[in-house]
Amino acid sequence: MAAMGVLLVVFLVLACETEVSLAVTCTPTELSPCVTAITSGKPPSKLCCTKIKQQKPCLCQYIKNPNLRKFVTSPNAKKVSTACGVPIPKC
């Protein structure tokens, strides 16, 4: 009986994780609130940090895109991501 409970918990956790990952739409323009911080080196806004956290599952996709890589991996972008508590992933 305990094994059934453990399996149910594992199933629910996996189902929730799947739902969360499906809810993210990788759209680079969602990071537009971060443009000022990335281009100027100013601290990021709360909205910027919220957007980076939402787009975290997409960062590797952006890094692999030659047109976006320089914006995601620039020194200022790394400062912004660190300030927001979202480290740049190693992809």
N, C-alpha and C. Protein backbone atom coordinates (compact mmCIF):
# COMPACT_ATOMS: atom_id res chain seq x y z
N MET A 1 0.82 -1.19 0.00
CA MET A 1 0.00 0.00 0.00
C MET A 1 0.87 1.26 0.00
N ALA A 2 1.97 1.24 0.77
CA ALA A 2 2.86 2.39 0.81
C ALA A 2 3.50 2.62 -0.56
N ALA A 3 3.79 1.53 -1.27
CA ALA A 3 4.38 1.64 -2.61
C ALA A 3 3.42 2.36 -3.56
N MET A 4 2.13 2.10 -3.42
CA MET A 4 1.14 2.78 -4.27
C MET A 4 1.15 4.29 -3.99
N GLY A 5 1.28 4.65 -2.70
CA GLY A 5 1.34 6.06 -2.33
C GLY A 5 2.55 6.74 -2.90
N VAL A 6 3.70 6.06 -2.86
CA VAL A 6 4.93 6.62 -3.42
C VAL A 6 4.79 6.79 -4.92
N LEU A 7 4.23 5.79 -5.59
CA LEU A 7 4.04 5.89 -7.04
C LEU A 7 3.10 7.04 -7.40
N LEU A 8 2.07 7.23 -6.61
CA LEU A 8 1.14 8.32 -6.85
C LEU A 8 1.84 9.67 -6.70
N VAL A 9 2.65 9.82 -5.67
CA VAL A 9 3.38 11.07 -5.46
C VAL A 9 4.34 11.32 -6.62
N VAL A 10 5.07 10.29 -7.05
CA VAL A 10 6.00 10.44 -8.17
C VAL A 10 5.24 10.83 -9.43
N PHE A 11 4.12 10.20 -9.67
CA PHE A 11 3.31 10.53 -10.84
C PHE A 11 2.85 11.99 -10.79
N LEU A 12 2.36 12.42 -9.64
CA LEU A 12 1.88 13.80 -9.51
C LEU A 12 3.01 14.81 -9.71
N VAL A 13 4.19 14.53 -9.17
CA VAL A 13 5.33 15.42 -9.34
C VAL A 13 5.71 15.51 -10.81
N LEU A 14 5.78 14.37 -11.48
CA LEU A 14 6.13 14.37 -12.91
C LEU A 14 5.06 15.09 -13.72
N ALA A 15 3.82 14.88 -13.40
CA ALA A 15 2.74 15.54 -14.11
C ALA A 15 2.82 17.05 -13.94
N CYS A 16 3.12 17.51 -12.73
CA CYS A 16 3.24 18.95 -12.48
C CYS A 16 4.44 19.52 -13.22
N GLU A 17 5.56 18.83 -13.22
CA GLU A 17 6.75 19.31 -13.92
C GLU A 17 6.49 19.39 -15.41
N THR A 18 5.79 18.42 -15.95
CA THR A 18 5.47 18.41 -17.37
C THR A 18 4.58 19.59 -17.70
N GLU A 19 3.59 19.85 -16.86
CA GLU A 19 2.68 20.95 -17.09
C GLU A 19 3.42 22.28 -17.08
N VAL A 20 4.33 22.46 -16.15
CA VAL A 20 5.10 23.69 -16.06
C VAL A 20 5.95 23.87 -17.30
N SER A 21 6.64 22.81 -17.72
CA SER A 21 7.53 22.95 -18.88
C SER A 21 6.73 23.20 -20.15
N LEU A 22 5.52 22.66 -20.25
CA LEU A 22 4.70 22.91 -21.42
C LEU A 22 4.13 24.32 -21.43
N ALA A 23 4.02 24.93 -20.28
CA ALA A 23 3.45 26.27 -20.18
C ALA A 23 4.40 27.35 -20.68
N VAL A 24 5.70 27.05 -20.79
CA VAL A 24 6.68 28.04 -21.22
C VAL A 24 6.72 28.08 -22.75
N THR A 25 6.53 29.26 -23.28
CA THR A 25 6.69 29.48 -24.71
C THR A 25 7.97 30.26 -24.90
N CYS A 26 8.89 29.68 -25.65
CA CYS A 26 10.20 30.32 -25.86
C CYS A 26 10.07 31.43 -26.88
N THR A 27 9.97 32.63 -26.36
CA THR A 27 9.84 33.82 -27.19
C THR A 27 10.86 34.84 -26.71
N PRO A 28 11.93 35.06 -27.47
CA PRO A 28 12.98 35.98 -27.03
C PRO A 28 12.47 37.39 -26.71
N THR A 29 11.41 37.82 -27.38
CA THR A 29 10.88 39.16 -27.10
C THR A 29 10.32 39.29 -25.70
N GLU A 30 10.06 38.15 -25.03
CA GLU A 30 9.61 38.19 -23.64
C GLU A 30 10.68 38.80 -22.73
N LEU A 31 11.93 38.79 -23.20
CA LEU A 31 13.02 39.35 -22.41
C LEU A 31 13.24 40.84 -22.69
N SER A 32 12.35 41.45 -23.44
CA SER A 32 12.53 42.87 -23.78
C SER A 32 12.60 43.78 -22.55
N PRO A 33 11.97 43.46 -21.42
CA PRO A 33 12.14 44.32 -20.24
C PRO A 33 13.58 44.34 -19.72
N CYS A 34 14.42 43.45 -20.23
CA CYS A 34 15.82 43.37 -19.78
C CYS A 34 16.79 44.10 -20.69
N VAL A 35 16.31 44.62 -21.80
CA VAL A 35 17.20 45.24 -22.79
C VAL A 35 18.02 46.37 -22.18
N THR A 36 17.38 47.25 -21.43
CA THR A 36 18.11 48.38 -20.83
C THR A 36 19.21 47.89 -19.90
N ALA A 37 18.89 46.92 -19.06
CA ALA A 37 19.89 46.40 -18.12
C ALA A 37 21.04 45.71 -18.86
N ILE A 38 20.71 44.97 -19.91
CA ILE A 38 21.75 44.23 -20.66
C ILE A 38 22.62 45.19 -21.46
N THR A 39 22.03 46.21 -22.04
CA THR A 39 22.82 47.12 -22.88
C THR A 39 23.55 48.19 -22.09
N SER A 40 23.04 48.53 -20.89
CA SER A 40 23.66 49.63 -20.15
C SER A 40 24.43 49.18 -18.91
N GLY A 41 24.14 47.97 -18.45
CA GLY A 41 24.78 47.50 -17.22
C GLY A 41 24.06 47.95 -15.96
N LYS A 42 22.91 48.62 -16.13
CA LYS A 42 22.12 49.05 -14.97
C LYS A 42 21.48 47.82 -14.32
N PRO A 43 21.10 47.92 -13.04
CA PRO A 43 20.44 46.79 -12.39
C PRO A 43 19.12 46.44 -13.08
N PRO A 44 18.77 45.16 -13.12
CA PRO A 44 17.52 44.76 -13.78
C PRO A 44 16.30 45.14 -12.95
N SER A 45 15.21 45.36 -13.64
CA SER A 45 13.93 45.65 -12.97
C SER A 45 13.32 44.35 -12.46
N LYS A 46 12.32 44.48 -11.61
CA LYS A 46 11.61 43.29 -11.12
C LYS A 46 10.95 42.55 -12.28
N LEU A 47 10.42 43.31 -13.23
CA LEU A 47 9.78 42.69 -14.39
C LEU A 47 10.81 41.90 -15.21
N CYS A 48 11.99 42.47 -15.38
CA CYS A 48 13.06 41.78 -16.09
C CYS A 48 13.36 40.44 -15.41
N CYS A 49 13.53 40.47 -14.11
CA CYS A 49 13.85 39.23 -13.39
C CYS A 49 12.72 38.21 -13.50
N THR A 50 11.49 38.68 -13.45
CA THR A 50 10.35 37.77 -13.62
C THR A 50 10.40 37.11 -14.98
N LYS A 51 10.69 37.90 -16.00
CA LYS A 51 10.73 37.36 -17.37
C LYS A 51 11.89 36.38 -17.55
N ILE A 52 13.05 36.69 -16.96
CA ILE A 52 14.19 35.76 -17.07
C ILE A 52 13.85 34.44 -16.39
N LYS A 53 13.21 34.52 -15.24
CA LYS A 53 12.82 33.29 -14.53
C LYS A 53 11.82 32.48 -15.35
N GLN A 54 10.90 33.16 -16.01
CA GLN A 54 9.92 32.47 -16.84
C GLN A 54 10.58 31.83 -18.06
N GLN A 55 11.57 32.50 -18.61
CA GLN A 55 12.23 32.04 -19.83
C GLN A 55 13.44 31.13 -19.56
N LYS A 56 13.73 30.85 -18.30
CA LYS A 56 14.89 30.03 -17.94
C LYS A 56 14.97 28.73 -18.74
N PRO A 57 13.86 27.99 -18.93
CA PRO A 57 13.96 26.75 -19.71
C PRO A 57 14.36 26.98 -21.17
N CYS A 58 14.29 28.21 -21.62
CA CYS A 58 14.58 28.54 -23.02
C CYS A 58 16.01 29.04 -23.24
N LEU A 59 16.73 29.32 -22.17
CA LEU A 59 18.04 29.98 -22.31
C LEU A 59 19.00 29.19 -23.18
N CYS A 60 19.04 27.87 -23.05
CA CYS A 60 19.94 27.08 -23.90
C CYS A 60 19.57 27.22 -25.38
N GLN A 61 18.29 27.24 -25.65
CA GLN A 61 17.84 27.44 -27.03
C GLN A 61 18.33 28.78 -27.56
N TYR A 62 18.26 29.82 -26.73
CA TYR A 62 18.71 31.14 -27.14
C TYR A 62 20.23 31.16 -27.32
N ILE A 63 20.95 30.48 -26.44
CA ILE A 63 22.41 30.44 -26.53
C ILE A 63 22.85 29.73 -27.80
N LYS A 64 22.12 28.72 -28.20
CA LYS A 64 22.47 27.96 -29.41
C LYS A 64 22.12 28.70 -30.69
N ASN A 65 21.33 29.75 -30.59
CA ASN A 65 20.95 30.54 -31.75
C ASN A 65 22.03 31.61 -31.97
N PRO A 66 22.72 31.56 -33.12
CA PRO A 66 23.81 32.52 -33.36
C PRO A 66 23.37 33.98 -33.31
N ASN A 67 22.12 34.25 -33.62
CA ASN A 67 21.62 35.63 -33.59
C ASN A 67 21.32 36.12 -32.18
N LEU A 68 21.10 35.21 -31.25
CA LEU A 68 20.75 35.59 -29.88
C LEU A 68 21.87 35.37 -28.88
N ARG A 69 22.81 34.51 -29.21
CA ARG A 69 23.88 34.11 -28.28
C ARG A 69 24.57 35.30 -27.65
N LYS A 70 24.95 36.30 -28.45
CA LYS A 70 25.72 37.43 -27.93
C LYS A 70 24.93 38.23 -26.89
N PHE A 71 23.60 38.22 -26.99
CA PHE A 71 22.79 38.94 -26.02
C PHE A 71 22.63 38.17 -24.72
N VAL A 72 22.61 36.85 -24.81
CA VAL A 72 22.39 36.01 -23.63
C VAL A 72 23.70 35.77 -22.86
N THR A 73 24.82 35.78 -23.57
CA THR A 73 26.09 35.45 -22.93
C THR A 73 27.01 36.65 -22.73
N SER A 74 26.55 37.84 -23.02
CA SER A 74 27.39 39.03 -22.84
C SER A 74 27.67 39.23 -21.35
N PRO A 75 28.74 39.96 -21.03
CA PRO A 75 29.04 40.22 -19.61
C PRO A 75 27.87 40.88 -18.87
N ASN A 76 27.21 41.84 -19.51
CA ASN A 76 26.07 42.50 -18.84
C ASN A 76 24.89 41.54 -18.67
N ALA A 77 24.66 40.66 -19.65
CA ALA A 77 23.57 39.68 -19.52
C ALA A 77 23.86 38.74 -18.36
N LYS A 78 25.12 38.38 -18.18
CA LYS A 78 25.49 37.51 -17.06
C LYS A 78 25.27 38.23 -15.73
N LYS A 79 25.56 39.54 -15.70
CA LYS A 79 25.32 40.31 -14.48
C LYS A 79 23.82 40.36 -14.17
N VAL A 80 23.02 40.57 -15.20
CA VAL A 80 21.57 40.63 -15.02
C VAL A 80 21.05 39.30 -14.52
N SER A 81 21.47 38.22 -15.15
CA SER A 81 20.97 36.90 -14.75
C SER A 81 21.40 36.57 -13.32
N THR A 82 22.61 36.95 -12.95
CA THR A 82 23.09 36.72 -11.59
C THR A 82 22.26 37.54 -10.59
N ALA A 83 22.02 38.79 -10.93
CA ALA A 83 21.22 39.65 -10.05
C ALA A 83 19.80 39.12 -9.87
N CYS A 84 19.30 38.43 -10.90
CA CYS A 84 17.95 37.87 -10.84
C CYS A 84 17.94 36.46 -10.24
N GLY A 85 19.11 35.92 -9.96
CA GLY A 85 19.16 34.57 -9.39
C GLY A 85 18.95 33.47 -10.40
N VAL A 86 19.24 33.74 -11.66
CA VAL A 86 19.09 32.75 -12.72
C VAL A 86 20.43 32.62 -13.43
N PRO A 87 21.24 31.64 -13.06
CA PRO A 87 22.54 31.51 -13.72
C PRO A 87 22.40 31.12 -15.19
N ILE A 88 23.33 31.62 -15.99
CA ILE A 88 23.36 31.24 -17.40
C ILE A 88 23.76 29.77 -17.46
N PRO A 89 22.95 28.94 -18.11
CA PRO A 89 23.25 27.50 -18.15
C PRO A 89 24.44 27.19 -19.06
N LYS A 90 25.08 26.07 -18.79
CA LYS A 90 26.10 25.55 -19.70
C LYS A 90 25.38 24.54 -20.59
N CYS A 91 25.33 24.85 -21.86
CA CYS A 91 24.54 24.04 -22.79
C CYS A 91 25.42 23.14 -23.66
